[in-house]
Amino acid sequence: MLLFGETYHHPNILYRTGFLVPDPVVVVDRGGVDTVLWVSALEEGRARKQASVGEVRSTMELEIPAPRAGGNEFDGWAALVTAVCREHSLNAVDVDAEFPTVLADHLRQNDVDVRPRTDIYQQRRRIKTAQEIEWITSTENAGMAALQKAIDVIAAAEIRDGLLVRDGRNLSSADLIFAVESHLLDKGNSTVDSICCGGPESSDPHRTESEVIRAGLPIVLDIYPFDKRTRYWGDMTRTVVRGTPPPEVMRMWDAVLEAQQAGLDAVRPGVNGRDVHYACCEVFKQHGYGSLPKPYRDIQSDARFIHGTGHGLGLEIHEYPRISEADVVLEVGDVITVEPGLYDPLFGGIRIEDLVVVTETGCRNLTTLAKTFRLD
């Protein structure tokens, strides 16, 4: 296998090397300990101390032609990967889906057969080691503490003219996001695009903010922290309300809470993730709500379940396996979310999300934050 890229945004390379680096590197992986990491002279010393590979080599060893006049950076990278293949006598390589097309074309022009694959490290990455689970748990714990900060802000807010008010002004999504993300940064974590959205706007599941935070309507708090050191993610969602919600909103809450528990109860090794998804859909059906799969699609309801039940998590916030209509059997060591939700354009969204590890007997829930809807 031939891998190319920096490791802040290429999780396969970070997974294989354990080396966090902002500039592209090249990895030749023949399996086992026979893995070579090629780095620039700038990174050679650090790579020898930090990378988990069989061998670290410097690109200074290679005979790479000087860039042509008017060339661009990719000309240099193309020359580099070609030189690496020649050094290792490679005439055929497997590459992952993120391998640049321009480099693949260049290698083919130099008689290297390039075979794109979508499953490189997929099985190894999905089954988490005890160390990986410890890292993910640590990130999830930090996220729960940060999420509680936002919940505390909401609980302490006043209600004035149907809106939540803090320190004499309308409470905003930005206030809640700041409460979450400042706490995460203080504890050595970070995140991107926290969702702290209330009212009708929260009926769009990935909308991050609403213009105001309304009393009596759901506020979706969905955050996904990652540890800046280990690079492993967490993920969690709680939905809360400050003030008296309409009966329909309470009915939605009860259905989502029951559906999520049904999903959690269905998680165990050997079960198809599709059946976990259907377990949630079945509960929604019993409450009169429609979902996306065909058996539930024709149920007419204003509030609907419009996404999958969950996804894998690790070095990426969304990774294999997906818990949806996809045909995938759960295995011990999978780390997945269980996050059904209902979305009504009039009232907003309600979603509850826990992160679980598949165990021999079922699953272990890493998200222990209370599922409390009403804060008054």
Protein backbone atom coordinates (compact mmCIF):
# COMPACT_ATOMS: atom_id res chain seq x y z
CA MET A 1 0.00 0.00 0.00
CA LEU A 2 1.16 3.51 -0.83
CA LEU A 3 -0.18 6.38 1.26
CA PHE A 4 0.37 10.08 0.67
CA GLY A 5 -0.66 13.16 2.64
CA GLU A 6 -0.36 15.08 5.86
CA THR A 7 -1.88 13.46 8.91
CA TYR A 8 -4.11 16.19 10.31
CA HIS A 9 -6.71 15.32 7.67
CA HIS A 10 -5.69 11.84 6.49
CA PRO A 11 -6.66 9.45 9.29
CA ASN A 12 -5.40 6.32 7.53
CA ILE A 13 -1.86 7.71 7.57
CA LEU A 14 -2.14 8.86 11.17
CA TYR A 15 -3.52 5.45 12.13
CA ARG A 16 -0.68 3.60 10.43
CA THR A 17 2.17 5.85 11.60
CA GLY A 18 1.01 7.52 14.81
CA PHE A 19 2.84 10.61 13.52
CA LEU A 20 1.08 13.98 13.48
CA VAL A 21 2.59 16.11 10.74
CA PRO A 22 1.31 19.16 8.81
CA ASP A 23 3.11 18.47 5.51
CA PRO A 24 2.68 15.46 3.21
CA VAL A 25 4.58 12.27 3.90
CA VAL A 26 4.76 9.01 1.97
CA VAL A 27 4.15 5.59 3.52
CA VAL A 28 5.01 2.24 1.96
CA ASP A 29 3.18 -0.49 3.88
CA ARG A 30 3.89 -4.10 3.03
CA GLY A 31 2.19 -5.30 6.18
CA GLY A 32 3.44 -6.08 9.66
CA VAL A 33 6.55 -4.19 10.73
CA ASP A 34 7.75 -3.79 7.15
CA THR A 35 6.44 -0.23 6.85
CA VAL A 36 8.57 2.69 5.73
CA LEU A 37 7.73 6.32 6.43
CA TRP A 38 9.32 8.86 4.10
CA VAL A 39 9.59 12.38 5.54
CA SER A 40 11.43 15.59 4.75
CA ALA A 41 14.68 16.46 6.51
CA LEU A 42 12.64 18.93 8.55
CA GLU A 43 10.62 16.13 10.14
CA GLU A 44 13.16 13.28 10.13
CA GLY A 45 14.40 13.73 13.70
CA ARG A 46 10.93 14.00 15.21
CA ALA A 47 9.63 11.10 13.13
CA ARG A 48 12.37 8.82 14.41
CA LYS A 49 11.26 9.63 17.96
CA GLN A 50 7.50 9.56 17.50
CA ALA A 51 6.42 7.45 14.51
CA SER A 52 5.24 3.86 15.04
CA VAL A 53 6.67 2.29 11.88
CA GLY A 54 9.35 -0.17 10.94
CA GLU A 55 11.66 2.41 9.39
CA VAL A 56 11.90 6.17 8.91
CA ARG A 57 13.74 7.47 5.87
CA SER A 58 14.50 10.96 4.63
CA THR A 59 13.46 12.13 1.18
CA MET A 60 16.96 13.59 0.92
CA GLU A 61 18.11 10.05 0.08
CA LEU A 62 16.15 10.06 -3.16
CA GLU A 63 17.15 11.29 -6.57
CA ILE A 64 14.31 13.69 -7.33
CA PRO A 65 14.54 15.91 -10.41
CA ALA A 66 14.45 19.66 -9.87
CA PRO A 67 11.04 21.29 -10.45
CA ARG A 68 10.48 22.44 -14.02
CA ALA A 69 10.06 26.13 -14.73
CA GLY A 70 6.50 27.22 -14.08
CA GLY A 71 5.71 23.99 -12.27
CA ASN A 72 3.54 23.67 -9.18
CA GLU A 73 3.76 21.87 -5.88
CA PHE A 74 2.07 18.76 -7.20
CA ASP A 75 4.83 18.32 -9.77
CA GLY A 76 7.22 17.94 -6.84
CA TRP A 77 4.95 15.48 -5.04
CA ALA A 78 4.54 13.46 -8.23
CA ALA A 79 8.29 13.22 -8.59
CA LEU A 80 8.57 12.20 -4.94
CA VAL A 81 6.06 9.33 -5.03
CA THR A 82 7.60 8.10 -8.28
CA ALA A 83 11.06 8.11 -6.72
CA VAL A 84 9.74 6.23 -3.67
CA CYS A 85 8.20 3.55 -5.89
CA ARG A 86 11.47 3.15 -7.77
CA GLU A 87 13.45 2.94 -4.52
CA HIS A 88 11.22 0.08 -3.35
CA SER A 89 10.94 -1.55 -6.80
CA LEU A 90 7.17 -1.16 -6.76
CA ASN A 91 5.37 -1.72 -10.04
CA ALA A 92 1.88 -1.95 -8.48
CA VAL A 93 0.43 -0.21 -5.41
CA ASP A 94 -2.88 -0.08 -3.58
CA VAL A 95 -3.96 3.43 -2.59
CA ASP A 96 -6.84 4.71 -0.48
CA ALA A 97 -9.73 6.86 -1.69
CA GLU A 98 -7.96 10.06 -0.66
CA PHE A 99 -4.91 9.49 -2.86
CA PRO A 100 -4.70 12.44 -5.30
CA THR A 101 -5.78 11.61 -8.83
CA VAL A 102 -3.00 13.75 -10.30
CA LEU A 103 -0.38 11.62 -8.50
CA ALA A 104 -2.08 8.40 -9.55
CA ASP A 105 -2.02 9.52 -13.19
CA HIS A 106 1.67 10.40 -12.90
CA LEU A 107 2.53 6.99 -11.45
CA ARG A 108 0.63 5.20 -14.20
CA GLN A 109 2.53 7.22 -16.78
CA ASN A 110 5.69 5.87 -15.14
CA ASP A 111 4.56 2.23 -15.37
CA VAL A 112 3.25 1.86 -11.82
CA ASP A 113 -0.16 0.19 -11.63
CA VAL A 114 -2.29 2.19 -9.16
CA ARG A 115 -5.27 0.34 -7.66
CA PRO A 116 -7.66 2.50 -5.62
CA ARG A 117 -9.32 0.80 -2.64
CA THR A 118 -12.01 1.98 -0.28
CA ASP A 119 -11.34 -0.55 2.49
CA ILE A 120 -7.72 0.12 3.44
CA TYR A 121 -7.45 -0.34 7.23
CA GLN A 122 -11.26 -0.33 7.45
CA GLN A 123 -11.54 -3.53 9.48
CA ARG A 124 -8.54 -2.72 11.66
CA ARG A 125 -9.75 0.80 12.39
CA ARG A 126 -13.34 -0.19 13.20
CA ILE A 127 -12.35 -2.64 15.94
CA LYS A 128 -10.93 -0.42 18.66
CA THR A 129 -8.16 -1.52 20.98
CA ALA A 130 -8.37 -1.02 24.74
CA GLN A 131 -6.06 1.99 24.34
CA GLU A 132 -8.27 3.53 21.67
CA ILE A 133 -11.38 3.03 23.81
CA GLU A 134 -9.59 4.71 26.72
CA TRP A 135 -8.74 7.70 24.50
CA ILE A 136 -12.30 7.93 23.17
CA THR A 137 -13.71 7.67 26.70
CA SER A 138 -11.48 10.51 27.85
CA THR A 139 -12.68 12.69 24.97
CA GLU A 140 -16.31 11.80 25.66
CA ASN A 141 -15.90 12.68 29.34
CA ALA A 142 -14.50 16.09 28.42
CA GLY A 143 -17.39 16.61 26.03
CA MET A 144 -20.00 15.76 28.64
CA ALA A 145 -18.51 18.29 31.05
CA ALA A 146 -18.57 20.92 28.30
CA LEU A 147 -22.13 20.09 27.33
CA GLN A 148 -23.19 20.43 30.95
CA LYS A 149 -21.83 23.98 30.89
CA ALA A 150 -24.29 24.87 28.14
CA ILE A 151 -27.14 23.16 29.97
CA ASP A 152 -26.30 25.14 33.10
CA VAL A 153 -26.46 28.39 31.12
CA ILE A 154 -29.91 27.47 29.79
CA ALA A 155 -31.17 26.41 33.21
CA ALA A 156 -30.07 29.71 34.73
CA ALA A 157 -31.63 31.88 32.01
CA GLU A 158 -34.70 34.01 32.64
CA ILE A 159 -37.81 33.86 30.48
CA ARG A 160 -38.95 37.17 29.06
CA ASP A 161 -41.49 37.63 26.26
CA GLY A 162 -41.11 34.03 25.16
CA LEU A 163 -37.33 34.18 24.89
CA LEU A 164 -34.47 33.12 27.16
CA VAL A 165 -32.55 36.04 28.63
CA ARG A 166 -29.13 36.14 30.25
CA ASP A 167 -27.49 39.17 31.86
CA GLY A 168 -30.19 41.46 30.53
CA ARG A 169 -29.98 40.39 26.89
CA ASN A 170 -31.37 37.60 24.75
CA LEU A 171 -29.51 34.34 25.15
CA SER A 172 -27.94 33.29 21.85
CA SER A 173 -26.60 30.15 20.27
CA ALA A 174 -23.20 31.86 20.30
CA ASP A 175 -23.38 32.03 24.12
CA LEU A 176 -24.01 28.30 24.32
CA ILE A 177 -21.30 27.45 21.79
CA PHE A 178 -18.83 29.58 23.73
CA ALA A 179 -19.72 27.77 26.96
CA VAL A 180 -19.03 24.44 25.27
CA GLU A 181 -15.93 25.24 23.27
CA SER A 182 -14.13 27.38 25.86
CA HIS A 183 -14.40 24.52 28.34
CA LEU A 184 -13.12 22.03 25.78
CA LEU A 185 -10.11 24.20 24.96
CA ASP A 186 -9.37 24.66 28.65
CA LYS A 187 -9.14 20.86 28.99
CA GLY A 188 -6.92 20.28 25.94
CA ASN A 189 -9.68 19.43 23.51
CA SER A 190 -11.19 21.13 20.51
CA THR A 191 -14.12 20.74 18.14
CA VAL A 192 -15.68 22.17 15.01
CA ASP A 193 -19.17 23.58 14.45
CA SER A 194 -20.90 22.69 17.71
CA ILE A 195 -24.67 22.52 17.32
CA CYS A 196 -26.56 24.64 19.86
CA CYS A 197 -29.78 25.36 18.01
CA GLY A 198 -33.32 25.85 19.27
CA GLY A 199 -36.88 26.15 18.08
CA PRO A 200 -38.03 25.60 14.48
CA GLU A 201 -34.47 26.06 13.17
CA SER A 202 -33.42 22.87 14.96
CA SER A 203 -35.67 20.86 12.65
CA ASP A 204 -32.66 20.99 10.30
CA PRO A 205 -30.51 18.40 12.12
CA HIS A 206 -27.11 19.92 11.29
CA ARG A 207 -28.03 23.58 11.63
CA THR A 208 -25.60 24.95 14.21
CA GLU A 209 -27.36 28.11 15.40
CA SER A 210 -30.76 29.74 15.73
CA GLU A 211 -31.33 33.48 15.78
CA VAL A 212 -32.87 33.35 19.27
CA ILE A 213 -33.37 30.73 21.98
CA ARG A 214 -37.09 30.38 22.62
CA ALA A 215 -38.77 29.33 25.83
CA GLY A 216 -40.93 26.21 25.64
CA LEU A 217 -39.31 24.82 22.49
CA PRO A 218 -36.54 22.21 22.22
CA ILE A 219 -32.87 23.20 22.16
CA VAL A 220 -30.63 20.65 20.48
CA LEU A 221 -27.09 20.49 21.88
CA ASP A 222 -24.94 18.22 19.69
CA ILE A 223 -21.20 18.44 20.22
CA TYR A 224 -18.31 16.39 18.90
CA PRO A 225 -15.04 17.07 20.71
CA PHE A 226 -11.67 15.69 19.80
CA ASP A 227 -8.53 15.41 21.85
CA LYS A 228 -5.78 17.58 20.39
CA ARG A 229 -3.15 15.08 21.52
CA THR A 230 -4.63 11.67 20.62
CA ARG A 231 -6.88 13.02 17.78
CA TYR A 232 -9.71 10.69 18.83
CA TRP A 233 -13.25 12.05 18.80
CA GLY A 234 -16.29 11.91 21.04
CA ASP A 235 -19.91 12.60 20.11
CA MET A 236 -23.06 13.28 22.12
CA THR A 237 -26.42 15.03 21.90
CA ARG A 238 -28.86 16.17 24.52
CA THR A 239 -32.06 18.11 23.90
CA VAL A 240 -33.45 20.36 26.61
CA VAL A 241 -36.24 22.89 27.06
CA ARG A 242 -36.60 25.86 29.41
CA GLY A 243 -40.21 26.76 29.99
CA THR A 244 -43.40 24.82 29.37
CA PRO A 245 -43.38 22.89 26.08
CA PRO A 246 -46.51 22.23 24.01
CA PRO A 247 -48.04 18.75 24.42
CA GLU A 248 -46.84 17.76 20.93
CA VAL A 249 -43.24 18.52 21.90
CA MET A 250 -43.56 16.35 25.00
CA ARG A 251 -45.00 13.58 22.83
CA MET A 252 -42.00 13.85 20.54
CA TRP A 253 -39.62 13.72 23.51
CA ASP A 254 -41.23 10.59 24.92
CA ALA A 255 -41.02 8.86 21.52
CA VAL A 256 -37.36 9.77 20.98
CA LEU A 257 -36.36 8.66 24.48
CA GLU A 258 -38.12 5.31 23.98
CA ALA A 259 -36.69 4.87 20.48
CA GLN A 260 -33.17 5.56 21.64
CA GLN A 261 -33.48 2.99 24.41
CA ALA A 262 -34.78 0.46 21.89
CA GLY A 263 -31.73 1.15 19.74
CA LEU A 264 -29.36 0.76 22.67
CA ASP A 265 -31.05 -2.50 23.69
CA ALA A 266 -30.61 -3.86 20.16
CA VAL A 267 -26.83 -3.30 20.03
CA ARG A 268 -24.81 -6.48 20.48
CA PRO A 269 -22.26 -8.46 18.45
CA GLY A 270 -23.69 -10.40 15.53
CA VAL A 271 -26.64 -8.05 15.08
CA ASN A 272 -27.01 -6.23 11.79
CA GLY A 273 -26.81 -2.47 12.24
CA ARG A 274 -29.85 -2.23 10.01
CA ASP A 275 -31.89 -3.99 12.71
CA VAL A 276 -30.73 -1.46 15.30
CA HIS A 277 -32.00 1.25 12.97
CA TYR A 278 -35.31 -0.54 12.43
CA ALA A 279 -35.76 -0.95 16.20
CA CYS A 280 -35.83 2.84 16.48
CA CYS A 281 -38.12 3.21 13.46
CA GLU A 282 -40.53 0.66 14.93
CA VAL A 283 -40.91 2.68 18.12
CA PHE A 284 -41.58 5.81 16.10
CA LYS A 285 -44.20 3.89 14.12
CA GLN A 286 -45.95 2.90 17.34
CA HIS A 287 -46.09 6.59 18.27
CA GLY A 288 -47.43 7.57 14.85
CA TYR A 289 -44.22 9.02 13.38
CA GLY A 290 -42.70 8.22 9.99
CA SER A 291 -39.10 7.35 9.14
CA LEU A 292 -37.07 7.02 5.94
CA PRO A 293 -36.96 3.21 5.38
CA LYS A 294 -39.66 1.90 3.06
CA PRO A 295 -41.70 0.07 5.73
CA TYR A 296 -42.13 3.38 7.59
CA ARG A 297 -41.93 5.98 4.84
CA ASP A 298 -45.67 6.25 4.14
CA ILE A 299 -46.62 7.05 7.72
CA GLN A 300 -48.01 10.58 7.62
CA SER A 301 -46.72 12.80 10.41
CA ASP A 302 -45.45 16.34 10.82
CA ALA A 303 -42.49 15.17 12.89
CA ARG A 304 -40.30 12.56 11.18
CA PHE A 305 -37.09 10.57 11.68
CA ILE A 306 -34.99 11.69 8.70
CA HIS A 307 -31.50 10.21 9.17
CA GLY A 308 -29.67 7.06 10.18
CA THR A 309 -29.50 5.86 13.76
CA GLY A 310 -25.73 6.15 14.14
CA HIS A 311 -22.20 5.82 12.87
CA GLY A 312 -18.79 4.59 13.84
CA LEU A 313 -16.31 6.95 15.49
CA GLY A 314 -12.58 7.05 16.12
CA LEU A 315 -9.97 9.12 14.33
CA GLU A 316 -12.91 10.49 12.32
CA ILE A 317 -16.17 11.80 13.68
CA HIS A 318 -18.06 9.75 11.07
CA GLU A 319 -16.49 6.46 10.08
CA TYR A 320 -17.37 2.83 9.38
CA PRO A 321 -19.74 1.24 10.30
CA ARG A 322 -22.91 3.19 9.61
CA ILE A 323 -26.01 2.27 11.62
CA SER A 324 -28.70 2.77 9.02
CA GLU A 325 -30.17 0.70 6.23
CA ALA A 326 -26.61 -0.40 5.39
CA ASP A 327 -25.98 -4.13 5.64
CA VAL A 328 -23.24 -4.41 8.29
CA VAL A 329 -22.92 -6.84 11.19
CA LEU A 330 -21.72 -5.37 14.48
CA GLU A 331 -18.57 -6.79 16.07
CA VAL A 332 -17.00 -6.61 19.52
CA GLY A 333 -14.88 -3.46 19.62
CA ASP A 334 -17.07 -1.34 17.38
CA VAL A 335 -17.59 2.16 18.79
CA ILE A 336 -20.84 3.61 17.47
CA THR A 337 -23.40 6.29 18.19
CA VAL A 338 -27.10 5.66 18.78
CA GLU A 339 -28.91 8.90 17.98
CA PRO A 340 -32.50 8.75 16.74
CA GLY A 341 -34.43 12.00 16.45
CA LEU A 342 -37.69 13.58 15.37
CA TYR A 343 -37.94 16.86 13.45
CA ASP A 344 -41.01 19.04 13.08
CA PRO A 345 -40.63 22.31 11.13
CA LEU A 346 -43.15 23.99 13.44
CA PHE A 347 -41.59 23.09 16.80
CA GLY A 348 -38.02 22.00 16.02
CA GLY A 349 -35.98 18.87 16.58
CA ILE A 350 -35.42 16.43 19.40
CA ARG A 351 -32.39 14.13 19.28
CA ILE A 352 -30.68 12.05 21.96
CA GLU A 353 -27.25 10.58 21.24
CA ASP A 354 -25.06 8.22 23.20
CA LEU A 355 -21.69 6.71 22.27
CA VAL A 356 -21.34 2.99 22.98
CA VAL A 357 -18.75 0.23 22.71
CA VAL A 358 -20.00 -3.14 21.44
CA THR A 359 -19.12 -5.81 24.02
CA GLU A 360 -19.48 -9.59 24.20
CA THR A 361 -22.88 -9.30 25.87
CA GLY A 362 -24.28 -6.08 24.40
CA CYS A 363 -22.79 -2.64 24.69
CA ARG A 364 -21.18 -0.30 27.21
CA ASN A 365 -22.47 3.26 27.19
CA LEU A 366 -19.73 5.89 27.36
CA THR A 367 -22.20 8.80 27.53
CA THR A 368 -23.44 8.96 31.09
CA LEU A 369 -24.84 12.50 31.05
CA ALA A 370 -28.43 12.57 32.30
CA LYS A 371 -31.23 12.67 29.73
CA THR A 372 -33.25 15.48 31.29
CA PHE A 373 -35.57 17.38 28.98
CA ARG A 374 -37.28 20.00 31.12
CA LEU A 375 -34.95 22.28 33.06
CA ASP A 376 -37.57 23.96 35.26
